N, C-alpha and C. Protein backbone atom coordinates (compact mmCIF):
# COMPACT_ATOMS: atom_id res chain seq x y z
N MET A 1 -14.54 -31.16 20.21
CA MET A 1 -13.52 -32.15 20.58
C MET A 1 -12.51 -32.33 19.46
N ARG A 2 -13.00 -32.34 18.20
CA ARG A 2 -12.10 -32.52 17.06
C ARG A 2 -11.12 -31.36 16.97
N ALA A 3 -11.62 -30.14 17.26
CA ALA A 3 -10.74 -28.98 17.20
C ALA A 3 -9.63 -29.08 18.23
N ILE A 4 -9.95 -29.54 19.43
CA ILE A 4 -8.96 -29.69 20.48
C ILE A 4 -7.92 -30.73 20.08
N LEU A 5 -8.38 -31.86 19.53
CA LEU A 5 -7.47 -32.92 19.11
C LEU A 5 -6.53 -32.44 18.01
N LEU A 6 -7.07 -31.71 17.03
CA LEU A 6 -6.25 -31.21 15.94
C LEU A 6 -5.20 -30.24 16.46
N THR A 7 -5.60 -29.36 17.39
CA THR A 7 -4.65 -28.40 17.95
C THR A 7 -3.53 -29.10 18.68
N ILE A 8 -3.87 -30.15 19.46
CA ILE A 8 -2.86 -30.91 20.19
C ILE A 8 -1.88 -31.56 19.24
N ILE A 9 -2.39 -32.15 18.15
CA ILE A 9 -1.52 -32.81 17.17
C ILE A 9 -0.58 -31.82 16.52
N LEU A 10 -1.11 -30.65 16.11
CA LEU A 10 -0.28 -29.66 15.44
C LEU A 10 0.79 -29.11 16.37
N TRP A 11 0.44 -28.85 17.63
CA TRP A 11 1.42 -28.35 18.57
C TRP A 11 2.46 -29.41 18.89
N ALA A 12 2.04 -30.67 18.99
CA ALA A 12 2.99 -31.74 19.25
C ALA A 12 4.02 -31.84 18.15
N CYS A 13 3.58 -31.66 16.92
CA CYS A 13 4.51 -31.71 15.78
C CYS A 13 5.51 -30.56 15.85
N ALA A 14 5.04 -29.41 16.29
CA ALA A 14 5.92 -28.24 16.36
C ALA A 14 6.92 -28.35 17.50
N LEU A 15 6.64 -29.17 18.50
CA LEU A 15 7.49 -29.28 19.66
C LEU A 15 8.57 -30.33 19.54
N CYS A 16 8.72 -30.90 18.35
CA CYS A 16 9.65 -32.02 18.17
C CYS A 16 11.09 -31.53 17.99
N GLY A 17 11.56 -30.72 18.90
CA GLY A 17 12.96 -30.35 18.93
C GLY A 17 13.41 -29.32 17.92
N MET A 18 12.49 -28.56 17.33
CA MET A 18 12.87 -27.59 16.31
C MET A 18 13.17 -26.26 16.99
N GLN A 19 14.45 -25.98 17.22
CA GLN A 19 14.85 -24.79 17.95
C GLN A 19 15.61 -23.80 17.08
N ALA A 20 15.75 -24.07 15.78
CA ALA A 20 16.57 -23.21 14.93
C ALA A 20 15.95 -21.83 14.80
N GLN A 21 16.81 -20.81 14.74
CA GLN A 21 16.36 -19.44 14.54
C GLN A 21 16.52 -19.00 13.09
N THR A 22 17.12 -19.84 12.26
CA THR A 22 17.25 -19.57 10.84
C THR A 22 16.87 -20.84 10.08
N ILE A 23 16.56 -20.67 8.81
CA ILE A 23 16.21 -21.83 7.98
C ILE A 23 17.46 -22.67 7.75
N ARG A 24 17.32 -23.99 7.93
CA ARG A 24 18.46 -24.89 7.81
C ARG A 24 18.20 -25.95 6.75
N LYS A 25 19.28 -26.51 6.24
CA LYS A 25 19.18 -27.64 5.32
C LYS A 25 18.43 -28.77 6.01
N GLY A 26 17.47 -29.36 5.30
CA GLY A 26 16.67 -30.45 5.84
C GLY A 26 15.36 -30.01 6.44
N ASP A 27 15.18 -28.70 6.70
CA ASP A 27 13.90 -28.21 7.21
C ASP A 27 12.81 -28.48 6.19
N LYS A 28 11.60 -28.77 6.70
CA LYS A 28 10.46 -29.07 5.84
C LYS A 28 9.31 -28.12 6.15
N PHE A 29 8.68 -27.62 5.09
CA PHE A 29 7.57 -26.68 5.23
C PHE A 29 6.38 -27.19 4.43
N PHE A 30 5.20 -27.20 5.06
CA PHE A 30 3.98 -27.66 4.40
C PHE A 30 3.04 -26.48 4.22
N ASP A 31 2.50 -26.34 3.00
CA ASP A 31 1.63 -25.19 2.71
C ASP A 31 0.17 -25.56 2.53
N GLY A 32 -0.18 -26.79 2.90
CA GLY A 32 -1.56 -27.24 2.75
C GLY A 32 -1.75 -28.14 1.55
N MET A 33 -0.80 -28.09 0.61
CA MET A 33 -0.85 -28.94 -0.58
C MET A 33 0.45 -29.70 -0.80
N SER A 34 1.57 -28.99 -0.66
CA SER A 34 2.87 -29.56 -0.98
C SER A 34 3.80 -29.46 0.22
N LEU A 35 4.73 -30.42 0.29
CA LEU A 35 5.73 -30.43 1.35
C LEU A 35 7.08 -30.05 0.72
N TYR A 36 7.62 -28.92 1.14
CA TYR A 36 8.90 -28.43 0.64
C TYR A 36 10.03 -28.81 1.60
N THR A 37 11.13 -29.29 1.06
CA THR A 37 12.31 -29.64 1.85
C THR A 37 13.48 -28.78 1.42
N VAL A 38 14.16 -28.17 2.39
CA VAL A 38 15.33 -27.34 2.09
C VAL A 38 16.49 -28.25 1.69
N GLN A 39 16.94 -28.10 0.46
CA GLN A 39 18.02 -28.93 -0.06
C GLN A 39 19.39 -28.32 0.19
N GLU A 40 19.45 -27.00 0.26
CA GLU A 40 20.75 -26.33 0.37
C GLU A 40 20.55 -24.91 0.88
N VAL A 41 21.50 -24.45 1.68
CA VAL A 41 21.56 -23.04 2.08
C VAL A 41 22.93 -22.54 1.62
N ARG A 42 22.94 -21.87 0.49
CA ARG A 42 24.20 -21.44 -0.13
C ARG A 42 24.72 -20.17 0.51
N MET A 43 25.98 -20.18 0.84
CA MET A 43 26.66 -19.01 1.42
C MET A 43 25.95 -18.51 2.67
N GLY A 44 25.16 -19.39 3.29
CA GLY A 44 24.46 -19.02 4.50
C GLY A 44 23.27 -18.11 4.31
N LYS A 45 22.89 -17.83 3.04
CA LYS A 45 21.79 -16.87 2.82
C LYS A 45 20.85 -17.24 1.68
N ILE A 46 21.26 -18.08 0.73
CA ILE A 46 20.39 -18.47 -0.37
C ILE A 46 19.77 -19.82 -0.04
N VAL A 47 18.46 -19.81 0.22
CA VAL A 47 17.75 -21.03 0.61
C VAL A 47 17.09 -21.63 -0.62
N TYR A 48 17.47 -22.86 -0.93
CA TYR A 48 16.92 -23.55 -2.10
C TYR A 48 16.16 -24.77 -1.60
N MET A 49 14.87 -24.87 -1.97
CA MET A 49 14.04 -25.99 -1.52
C MET A 49 13.22 -26.54 -2.68
N THR A 50 12.86 -27.81 -2.58
CA THR A 50 12.02 -28.46 -3.59
C THR A 50 10.86 -29.15 -2.90
N SER A 51 9.76 -29.29 -3.65
CA SER A 51 8.56 -29.91 -3.09
C SER A 51 8.48 -31.38 -3.49
N ASN A 52 7.53 -32.08 -2.93
CA ASN A 52 7.29 -33.47 -3.29
C ASN A 52 6.82 -33.60 -4.73
N GLU A 53 6.42 -32.45 -5.34
CA GLU A 53 5.99 -32.44 -6.74
C GLU A 53 7.08 -31.88 -7.65
N ASP A 54 8.30 -31.77 -7.12
CA ASP A 54 9.47 -31.28 -7.87
C ASP A 54 9.38 -29.81 -8.23
N ASN A 55 8.57 -29.05 -7.51
CA ASN A 55 8.59 -27.60 -7.68
C ASN A 55 9.76 -27.02 -6.90
N GLU A 56 10.30 -25.91 -7.38
CA GLU A 56 11.44 -25.28 -6.74
C GLU A 56 11.04 -23.96 -6.09
N LEU A 57 11.76 -23.61 -5.03
CA LEU A 57 11.52 -22.35 -4.34
C LEU A 57 12.87 -21.85 -3.83
N THR A 58 13.16 -20.58 -4.12
CA THR A 58 14.42 -19.99 -3.71
C THR A 58 14.17 -18.71 -2.93
N LEU A 59 14.77 -18.62 -1.75
CA LEU A 59 14.67 -17.44 -0.91
C LEU A 59 16.06 -16.89 -0.67
N GLU A 60 16.16 -15.57 -0.53
CA GLU A 60 17.45 -14.95 -0.21
C GLU A 60 17.31 -14.13 1.07
N LYS A 61 18.15 -14.42 2.04
CA LYS A 61 18.11 -13.73 3.32
C LYS A 61 18.48 -12.27 3.16
N VAL A 62 17.74 -11.40 3.83
CA VAL A 62 18.02 -9.97 3.80
C VAL A 62 19.06 -9.65 4.86
N ASP A 63 20.17 -9.07 4.45
CA ASP A 63 21.25 -8.75 5.38
C ASP A 63 20.78 -7.78 6.46
N GLY A 64 21.13 -8.11 7.70
CA GLY A 64 20.83 -7.21 8.81
C GLY A 64 19.42 -7.26 9.32
N LYS A 65 18.56 -8.13 8.75
CA LYS A 65 17.17 -8.22 9.20
C LYS A 65 16.86 -9.67 9.55
N GLU A 66 16.72 -9.92 10.85
CA GLU A 66 16.47 -11.27 11.33
C GLU A 66 15.14 -11.80 10.81
N GLY A 67 15.17 -12.98 10.23
CA GLY A 67 13.95 -13.63 9.76
C GLY A 67 13.35 -13.03 8.50
N GLU A 68 14.09 -12.18 7.80
CA GLU A 68 13.57 -11.54 6.59
C GLU A 68 14.25 -12.14 5.35
N TYR A 69 13.42 -12.55 4.39
CA TYR A 69 13.91 -13.12 3.14
C TYR A 69 13.16 -12.45 1.98
N THR A 70 13.67 -12.65 0.78
CA THR A 70 12.95 -12.24 -0.42
C THR A 70 12.81 -13.44 -1.34
N LEU A 71 11.73 -13.44 -2.11
CA LEU A 71 11.47 -14.53 -3.05
C LEU A 71 12.26 -14.29 -4.33
N GLN A 72 13.03 -15.29 -4.74
CA GLN A 72 13.90 -15.16 -5.90
C GLN A 72 13.49 -16.17 -6.99
N PRO A 73 13.77 -15.84 -8.27
CA PRO A 73 13.44 -16.78 -9.35
C PRO A 73 14.19 -18.09 -9.20
N SER A 74 13.52 -19.19 -9.51
CA SER A 74 14.13 -20.51 -9.52
C SER A 74 14.30 -20.97 -10.96
N ARG A 75 15.13 -21.97 -11.14
CA ARG A 75 15.46 -22.41 -12.49
C ARG A 75 14.24 -22.88 -13.28
N GLN A 76 13.29 -23.55 -12.60
CA GLN A 76 12.15 -24.12 -13.30
C GLN A 76 10.88 -23.28 -13.15
N ALA A 77 11.00 -22.12 -12.56
CA ALA A 77 9.81 -21.30 -12.30
C ALA A 77 9.60 -20.28 -13.40
N ASP A 78 8.49 -20.37 -14.10
CA ASP A 78 8.17 -19.40 -15.15
C ASP A 78 7.58 -18.11 -14.58
N GLU A 79 6.91 -18.23 -13.43
CA GLU A 79 6.29 -17.07 -12.82
C GLU A 79 6.32 -17.24 -11.30
N PRO A 80 6.20 -16.16 -10.54
CA PRO A 80 6.25 -16.25 -9.08
C PRO A 80 5.09 -17.08 -8.54
N PRO A 81 5.35 -17.92 -7.53
CA PRO A 81 4.27 -18.73 -6.95
C PRO A 81 3.48 -17.96 -5.91
N PHE A 82 2.33 -18.51 -5.54
CA PHE A 82 1.54 -18.06 -4.38
C PHE A 82 0.96 -16.66 -4.53
N GLY A 83 0.87 -16.14 -5.75
CA GLY A 83 0.32 -14.80 -5.91
C GLY A 83 1.26 -13.70 -5.48
N SER A 84 2.55 -14.03 -5.31
CA SER A 84 3.54 -13.04 -4.91
C SER A 84 4.27 -12.52 -6.15
N GLN A 85 5.40 -11.87 -5.94
CA GLN A 85 6.22 -11.36 -7.03
C GLN A 85 7.67 -11.60 -6.70
N TRP A 86 8.51 -11.69 -7.73
CA TRP A 86 9.94 -11.83 -7.48
C TRP A 86 10.42 -10.63 -6.67
N GLY A 87 11.17 -10.92 -5.64
CA GLY A 87 11.62 -9.87 -4.74
C GLY A 87 10.66 -9.60 -3.62
N GLY A 88 9.51 -10.28 -3.63
CA GLY A 88 8.52 -10.10 -2.57
C GLY A 88 9.06 -10.53 -1.22
N ARG A 89 8.56 -9.91 -0.19
CA ARG A 89 9.03 -10.16 1.18
C ARG A 89 8.49 -11.48 1.71
N VAL A 90 9.38 -12.24 2.36
CA VAL A 90 9.01 -13.50 3.02
C VAL A 90 9.53 -13.44 4.45
N GLN A 91 8.65 -13.60 5.42
CA GLN A 91 9.04 -13.57 6.82
C GLN A 91 9.11 -14.99 7.39
N TYR A 92 10.19 -15.25 8.14
CA TYR A 92 10.29 -16.49 8.90
C TYR A 92 9.84 -16.15 10.31
N ILE A 93 8.61 -16.52 10.64
CA ILE A 93 7.95 -16.07 11.86
C ILE A 93 8.05 -17.13 12.95
N HIS A 94 8.37 -16.67 14.17
CA HIS A 94 8.44 -17.54 15.33
C HIS A 94 7.43 -17.05 16.37
N HIS A 95 6.64 -17.95 16.91
CA HIS A 95 5.75 -17.62 18.02
C HIS A 95 5.74 -18.82 18.95
N GLY A 96 6.43 -18.69 20.08
CA GLY A 96 6.60 -19.85 20.94
C GLY A 96 7.40 -20.90 20.19
N GLU A 97 6.85 -22.08 20.07
CA GLU A 97 7.51 -23.16 19.34
C GLU A 97 7.01 -23.28 17.90
N ARG A 98 6.07 -22.42 17.51
CA ARG A 98 5.58 -22.47 16.13
C ARG A 98 6.47 -21.64 15.23
N LYS A 99 6.73 -22.17 14.04
CA LYS A 99 7.56 -21.48 13.06
C LYS A 99 6.91 -21.63 11.69
N LEU A 100 6.84 -20.56 10.94
CA LEU A 100 6.22 -20.60 9.63
C LEU A 100 6.81 -19.53 8.73
N LEU A 101 6.63 -19.73 7.43
CA LEU A 101 6.99 -18.73 6.44
C LEU A 101 5.73 -18.01 6.00
N ALA A 102 5.78 -16.69 5.95
CA ALA A 102 4.66 -15.88 5.50
C ALA A 102 5.09 -15.10 4.27
N PHE A 103 4.44 -15.37 3.14
CA PHE A 103 4.74 -14.69 1.87
C PHE A 103 3.82 -13.49 1.74
N ARG A 104 4.42 -12.32 1.52
CA ARG A 104 3.64 -11.09 1.49
C ARG A 104 3.53 -10.53 0.08
N LYS A 105 2.38 -9.93 -0.19
CA LYS A 105 2.13 -9.31 -1.49
C LYS A 105 2.84 -7.96 -1.54
N PRO A 106 3.67 -7.74 -2.55
CA PRO A 106 4.43 -6.48 -2.59
C PRO A 106 3.56 -5.23 -2.62
N SER A 107 2.40 -5.29 -3.24
CA SER A 107 1.57 -4.09 -3.42
C SER A 107 1.02 -3.55 -2.12
N ASN A 108 0.62 -4.43 -1.19
CA ASN A 108 0.04 -3.95 0.06
C ASN A 108 0.65 -4.58 1.31
N GLY A 109 1.59 -5.49 1.14
CA GLY A 109 2.27 -6.08 2.28
C GLY A 109 1.50 -7.17 3.00
N GLU A 110 0.29 -7.48 2.55
CA GLU A 110 -0.51 -8.48 3.25
C GLU A 110 -0.04 -9.89 2.92
N VAL A 111 -0.26 -10.78 3.86
CA VAL A 111 0.15 -12.17 3.69
C VAL A 111 -0.76 -12.85 2.68
N VAL A 112 -0.17 -13.53 1.69
CA VAL A 112 -0.95 -14.22 0.67
C VAL A 112 -0.76 -15.74 0.72
N TRP A 113 0.26 -16.20 1.46
CA TRP A 113 0.52 -17.65 1.53
C TRP A 113 1.31 -17.94 2.79
N THR A 114 1.09 -19.11 3.37
CA THR A 114 1.88 -19.52 4.53
C THR A 114 2.37 -20.94 4.34
N MET A 115 3.51 -21.23 4.98
CA MET A 115 4.09 -22.57 4.97
C MET A 115 4.54 -22.87 6.40
N ASP A 116 4.04 -23.96 6.97
CA ASP A 116 4.29 -24.30 8.36
C ASP A 116 5.48 -25.24 8.48
N LEU A 117 6.44 -24.91 9.37
CA LEU A 117 7.58 -25.80 9.60
C LEU A 117 7.10 -27.08 10.28
N THR A 118 7.54 -28.21 9.78
CA THR A 118 7.07 -29.49 10.30
C THR A 118 8.19 -30.52 10.25
N ARG A 119 8.03 -31.59 11.01
CA ARG A 119 8.94 -32.73 10.92
C ARG A 119 8.19 -33.96 10.46
N ASN A 120 6.99 -33.76 9.95
CA ASN A 120 6.15 -34.86 9.52
C ASN A 120 6.43 -35.26 8.08
N SER A 121 6.01 -36.47 7.73
CA SER A 121 6.05 -36.93 6.35
C SER A 121 4.94 -36.25 5.57
N TYR A 122 5.02 -36.35 4.25
CA TYR A 122 3.97 -35.76 3.41
C TYR A 122 2.61 -36.36 3.74
N ASP A 123 2.55 -37.69 3.91
CA ASP A 123 1.28 -38.36 4.19
C ASP A 123 0.66 -37.85 5.49
N ASN A 124 1.48 -37.65 6.52
CA ASN A 124 0.96 -37.15 7.79
C ASN A 124 0.50 -35.70 7.68
N CYS A 125 1.23 -34.92 6.89
CA CYS A 125 0.81 -33.54 6.67
C CYS A 125 -0.56 -33.49 5.97
N VAL A 126 -0.74 -34.35 4.98
CA VAL A 126 -2.02 -34.40 4.26
C VAL A 126 -3.14 -34.82 5.21
N LEU A 127 -2.85 -35.76 6.10
CA LEU A 127 -3.85 -36.20 7.07
C LEU A 127 -4.28 -35.05 7.97
N MET A 128 -3.32 -34.27 8.45
CA MET A 128 -3.65 -33.13 9.30
C MET A 128 -4.43 -32.07 8.53
N GLN A 129 -4.09 -31.90 7.26
CA GLN A 129 -4.83 -30.95 6.43
C GLN A 129 -6.27 -31.39 6.27
N GLN A 130 -6.49 -32.67 6.09
CA GLN A 130 -7.85 -33.20 5.97
C GLN A 130 -8.63 -33.00 7.26
N MET A 131 -7.97 -33.16 8.39
CA MET A 131 -8.62 -32.91 9.67
C MET A 131 -8.99 -31.45 9.82
N MET A 132 -8.10 -30.54 9.39
CA MET A 132 -8.39 -29.12 9.45
C MET A 132 -9.60 -28.78 8.58
N GLN A 133 -9.69 -29.38 7.41
CA GLN A 133 -10.76 -29.06 6.49
C GLN A 133 -12.12 -29.56 6.97
N GLN A 134 -12.12 -30.43 7.96
CA GLN A 134 -13.37 -30.89 8.55
C GLN A 134 -13.86 -29.96 9.65
N GLU A 135 -13.02 -28.99 10.02
CA GLU A 135 -13.38 -28.07 11.08
C GLU A 135 -14.38 -27.03 10.59
N GLU A 136 -15.26 -26.63 11.49
CA GLU A 136 -16.13 -25.50 11.20
C GLU A 136 -15.27 -24.23 11.18
N PRO A 137 -15.52 -23.30 10.28
CA PRO A 137 -14.70 -22.09 10.20
C PRO A 137 -14.53 -21.37 11.52
N GLU A 138 -15.56 -21.35 12.35
CA GLU A 138 -15.48 -20.60 13.61
C GLU A 138 -14.51 -21.24 14.59
N ASN A 139 -14.15 -22.52 14.36
CA ASN A 139 -13.24 -23.21 15.27
C ASN A 139 -11.79 -23.17 14.81
N ALA A 140 -11.52 -22.59 13.66
CA ALA A 140 -10.20 -22.71 13.06
C ALA A 140 -9.31 -21.50 13.26
N GLY A 141 -9.81 -20.44 13.85
CA GLY A 141 -9.05 -19.21 13.95
C GLY A 141 -7.82 -19.29 14.82
N THR A 142 -7.72 -20.28 15.71
CA THR A 142 -6.56 -20.39 16.59
C THR A 142 -5.46 -21.23 15.97
N LEU A 143 -5.68 -21.81 14.79
CA LEU A 143 -4.68 -22.63 14.12
C LEU A 143 -3.81 -21.77 13.20
N VAL A 144 -2.70 -22.33 12.74
CA VAL A 144 -1.93 -21.68 11.68
C VAL A 144 -2.63 -22.02 10.37
N LEU A 145 -3.31 -21.05 9.79
CA LEU A 145 -4.13 -21.30 8.61
C LEU A 145 -3.29 -21.30 7.34
N ASN A 146 -3.83 -21.93 6.30
CA ASN A 146 -3.18 -21.89 4.99
C ASN A 146 -4.24 -21.66 3.92
N ARG A 147 -3.80 -21.24 2.74
CA ARG A 147 -4.74 -20.88 1.69
C ARG A 147 -5.57 -22.05 1.17
N PRO A 148 -5.01 -23.26 0.99
CA PRO A 148 -5.86 -24.35 0.52
C PRO A 148 -7.07 -24.59 1.43
N TYR A 149 -6.89 -24.41 2.74
CA TYR A 149 -8.03 -24.54 3.66
C TYR A 149 -9.01 -23.39 3.44
N LEU A 150 -8.52 -22.17 3.38
CA LEU A 150 -9.39 -21.01 3.27
C LEU A 150 -10.12 -20.96 1.94
N ASP A 151 -9.51 -21.47 0.88
CA ASP A 151 -10.12 -21.41 -0.44
C ASP A 151 -11.40 -22.24 -0.53
N GLY A 152 -11.61 -23.14 0.42
CA GLY A 152 -12.83 -23.94 0.42
C GLY A 152 -13.94 -23.36 1.27
N ILE A 153 -13.77 -22.14 1.74
CA ILE A 153 -14.74 -21.50 2.63
C ILE A 153 -15.38 -20.31 1.92
N SER A 154 -16.65 -20.10 2.14
CA SER A 154 -17.36 -19.01 1.49
C SER A 154 -16.86 -17.65 1.99
N LYS A 155 -17.10 -16.62 1.18
CA LYS A 155 -16.66 -15.28 1.55
C LYS A 155 -17.32 -14.82 2.84
N ALA A 156 -18.61 -15.15 3.02
CA ALA A 156 -19.32 -14.75 4.24
C ALA A 156 -18.71 -15.41 5.47
N ASP A 157 -18.38 -16.70 5.36
CA ASP A 157 -17.78 -17.40 6.49
C ASP A 157 -16.35 -16.95 6.76
N LEU A 158 -15.64 -16.55 5.70
CA LEU A 158 -14.30 -16.01 5.90
C LEU A 158 -14.36 -14.72 6.71
N ARG A 159 -15.33 -13.89 6.41
CA ARG A 159 -15.49 -12.64 7.16
C ARG A 159 -15.76 -12.91 8.63
N LEU A 160 -16.62 -13.89 8.91
CA LEU A 160 -16.91 -14.23 10.29
C LEU A 160 -15.68 -14.81 10.98
N MET A 161 -14.93 -15.66 10.27
CA MET A 161 -13.73 -16.25 10.84
C MET A 161 -12.72 -15.17 11.21
N ARG A 162 -12.52 -14.22 10.29
CA ARG A 162 -11.57 -13.14 10.53
C ARG A 162 -11.96 -12.31 11.75
N ASN A 163 -13.24 -11.98 11.83
CA ASN A 163 -13.69 -11.16 12.95
C ASN A 163 -13.83 -11.95 14.24
N ARG A 164 -13.93 -13.27 14.13
CA ARG A 164 -13.95 -14.11 15.33
C ARG A 164 -12.63 -13.97 16.10
N ILE A 165 -11.52 -13.84 15.37
CA ILE A 165 -10.23 -13.66 16.02
C ILE A 165 -10.23 -12.39 16.85
N LEU A 166 -10.80 -11.32 16.30
CA LEU A 166 -10.90 -10.06 17.04
C LEU A 166 -11.90 -10.17 18.19
N ALA A 167 -13.02 -10.85 17.95
CA ALA A 167 -14.04 -10.99 18.98
C ALA A 167 -13.51 -11.74 20.19
N ASN A 168 -12.61 -12.69 19.96
CA ASN A 168 -12.02 -13.44 21.08
C ASN A 168 -11.28 -12.52 22.05
N HIS A 169 -10.85 -11.36 21.56
CA HIS A 169 -10.15 -10.39 22.41
C HIS A 169 -11.10 -9.29 22.89
N GLY A 170 -12.38 -9.40 22.55
CA GLY A 170 -13.33 -8.40 22.99
C GLY A 170 -13.43 -7.18 22.10
N TYR A 171 -13.06 -7.31 20.83
CA TYR A 171 -13.12 -6.19 19.91
C TYR A 171 -14.56 -5.66 19.83
N ARG A 172 -14.70 -4.35 19.90
CA ARG A 172 -16.03 -3.72 19.82
C ARG A 172 -16.32 -3.36 18.37
N PHE A 173 -17.28 -4.05 17.77
CA PHE A 173 -17.59 -3.88 16.35
C PHE A 173 -18.54 -2.70 16.12
N THR A 174 -18.37 -2.05 14.97
CA THR A 174 -19.29 -0.99 14.59
C THR A 174 -20.38 -1.51 13.66
N SER A 175 -20.10 -2.63 12.97
CA SER A 175 -21.10 -3.21 12.07
C SER A 175 -22.19 -3.89 12.89
N LYS A 176 -23.44 -3.55 12.59
CA LYS A 176 -24.55 -4.07 13.37
C LYS A 176 -24.66 -5.59 13.28
N ASP A 177 -24.42 -6.15 12.08
CA ASP A 177 -24.56 -7.59 11.94
C ASP A 177 -23.53 -8.35 12.77
N LEU A 178 -22.31 -7.79 12.88
CA LEU A 178 -21.29 -8.43 13.70
C LEU A 178 -21.60 -8.27 15.18
N GLN A 179 -22.14 -7.13 15.56
CA GLN A 179 -22.56 -6.92 16.94
C GLN A 179 -23.61 -7.97 17.34
N GLU A 180 -24.58 -8.17 16.46
CA GLU A 180 -25.65 -9.13 16.75
C GLU A 180 -25.13 -10.57 16.73
N TYR A 181 -24.26 -10.87 15.78
CA TYR A 181 -23.75 -12.25 15.65
C TYR A 181 -22.95 -12.65 16.87
N PHE A 182 -21.94 -11.85 17.23
CA PHE A 182 -21.10 -12.22 18.37
C PHE A 182 -21.77 -11.94 19.71
N GLY A 183 -22.75 -11.05 19.69
CA GLY A 183 -23.47 -10.76 20.93
C GLY A 183 -24.26 -11.96 21.44
N LYS A 184 -24.48 -12.95 20.60
CA LYS A 184 -25.20 -14.15 21.02
C LYS A 184 -24.35 -15.06 21.91
N TYR A 185 -23.04 -14.84 21.91
CA TYR A 185 -22.14 -15.73 22.65
C TYR A 185 -21.80 -15.14 24.03
N ARG A 186 -21.87 -15.99 25.04
CA ARG A 186 -21.56 -15.53 26.40
C ARG A 186 -20.11 -15.13 26.56
N TRP A 187 -19.22 -15.75 25.78
CA TRP A 187 -17.79 -15.46 25.93
C TRP A 187 -17.42 -14.09 25.37
N TYR A 188 -18.27 -13.52 24.55
CA TYR A 188 -17.94 -12.23 23.92
C TYR A 188 -18.19 -11.09 24.88
N LYS A 189 -17.10 -10.42 25.27
CA LYS A 189 -17.15 -9.30 26.21
C LYS A 189 -16.47 -8.08 25.57
N PRO A 190 -17.24 -7.19 24.94
CA PRO A 190 -16.63 -6.04 24.26
C PRO A 190 -15.84 -5.15 25.22
N VAL A 191 -14.67 -4.71 24.77
CA VAL A 191 -13.85 -3.81 25.57
C VAL A 191 -14.29 -2.37 25.34
N ASP A 192 -13.83 -1.48 26.18
CA ASP A 192 -14.17 -0.06 26.02
C ASP A 192 -13.33 0.60 24.94
N ASP A 193 -12.10 0.13 24.77
CA ASP A 193 -11.17 0.77 23.85
C ASP A 193 -10.47 -0.30 23.01
N ASN A 194 -10.76 -0.34 21.71
CA ASN A 194 -10.15 -1.36 20.84
C ASN A 194 -8.64 -1.23 20.75
N SER A 195 -8.10 -0.04 21.03
CA SER A 195 -6.66 0.15 20.93
C SER A 195 -5.90 -0.63 22.00
N THR A 196 -6.59 -1.12 23.01
CA THR A 196 -5.93 -1.89 24.07
C THR A 196 -5.74 -3.36 23.68
N ILE A 197 -6.36 -3.77 22.59
CA ILE A 197 -6.29 -5.17 22.16
C ILE A 197 -4.94 -5.44 21.50
N LYS A 198 -4.30 -6.51 21.92
CA LYS A 198 -3.01 -6.91 21.36
C LYS A 198 -3.14 -8.31 20.77
N LEU A 199 -2.91 -8.43 19.46
CA LEU A 199 -2.95 -9.72 18.79
C LEU A 199 -1.54 -10.30 18.72
N ASN A 200 -1.43 -11.63 18.87
CA ASN A 200 -0.11 -12.22 18.68
C ASN A 200 0.17 -12.35 17.18
N ILE A 201 1.40 -12.69 16.84
CA ILE A 201 1.82 -12.69 15.44
C ILE A 201 1.05 -13.71 14.61
N ILE A 202 0.70 -14.86 15.21
CA ILE A 202 -0.07 -15.87 14.47
C ILE A 202 -1.45 -15.34 14.14
N GLU A 203 -2.09 -14.67 15.09
CA GLU A 203 -3.40 -14.08 14.84
C GLU A 203 -3.33 -13.01 13.76
N GLN A 204 -2.28 -12.20 13.79
CA GLN A 204 -2.12 -11.17 12.77
C GLN A 204 -1.97 -11.78 11.37
N VAL A 205 -1.14 -12.83 11.28
CA VAL A 205 -0.94 -13.49 10.00
C VAL A 205 -2.24 -14.13 9.51
N ASN A 206 -2.97 -14.78 10.42
CA ASN A 206 -4.23 -15.41 10.03
C ASN A 206 -5.23 -14.39 9.49
N ILE A 207 -5.32 -13.24 10.15
CA ILE A 207 -6.25 -12.20 9.69
C ILE A 207 -5.87 -11.71 8.30
N GLU A 208 -4.59 -11.46 8.07
CA GLU A 208 -4.15 -10.98 6.76
C GLU A 208 -4.37 -12.04 5.69
N LEU A 209 -4.11 -13.30 6.03
CA LEU A 209 -4.30 -14.38 5.07
C LEU A 209 -5.78 -14.55 4.71
N ILE A 210 -6.65 -14.43 5.71
CA ILE A 210 -8.09 -14.52 5.46
C ILE A 210 -8.54 -13.37 4.56
N LYS A 211 -8.02 -12.17 4.82
CA LYS A 211 -8.38 -11.01 3.99
C LYS A 211 -7.97 -11.22 2.54
N SER A 212 -6.80 -11.81 2.32
CA SER A 212 -6.36 -12.04 0.94
C SER A 212 -7.25 -13.07 0.26
N ALA A 213 -7.73 -14.08 1.02
CA ALA A 213 -8.64 -15.07 0.47
C ALA A 213 -10.00 -14.44 0.16
N GLU A 214 -10.47 -13.56 1.05
CA GLU A 214 -11.74 -12.85 0.83
C GLU A 214 -11.68 -12.03 -0.45
N ALA A 215 -10.57 -11.36 -0.66
CA ALA A 215 -10.43 -10.45 -1.79
C ALA A 215 -10.52 -11.16 -3.13
N GLU A 216 -10.23 -12.46 -3.13
CA GLU A 216 -10.24 -13.24 -4.37
C GLU A 216 -11.57 -13.96 -4.60
N LYS A 217 -12.51 -13.86 -3.65
CA LYS A 217 -13.79 -14.51 -3.81
C LYS A 217 -14.68 -13.71 -4.75
């Protein structure tokens, strides 16, 4: 029941009239710890934002590529945030009414950090984060995940969470322990051909983010 309530709250927040296809001044992004507000979009391509903790973040739009940005040095930043690198790829991802920023690691392209577009205050964002952290890992795969949530989960549970996303689509596992674990559930119906499985962009981002969290355990 708690998982359903949390999902409803998060989707309701995303449905509050946010129809922009590009990052705009005043947009707010929450990463599980800090709330960033876009202060300025210079020349239509340089996005400058600050957090409630006075941290700075600068993105530069990639010409000719919709929703593609790169991470740029900020005045007060001594080193790149979120385990990324200067010049690292940042995607502004849209799925239905959900919008988020996905920061990718330059070495392998995997997502290392996410920031969810919101219209909530910092206090409300923290409240929703606390609700998420009360969820069992197996119930959280359908949400837009963030690293602060994942960092509190064991490596074994992260592996199950990641594969739960695939199992929901009927992925046929080769690992015996995963076969036995998901085989206990009536909803798990393995497909004949894994290549027929199509994940949506949120599921893909969640899987990559979980993998990056696993790698650091």
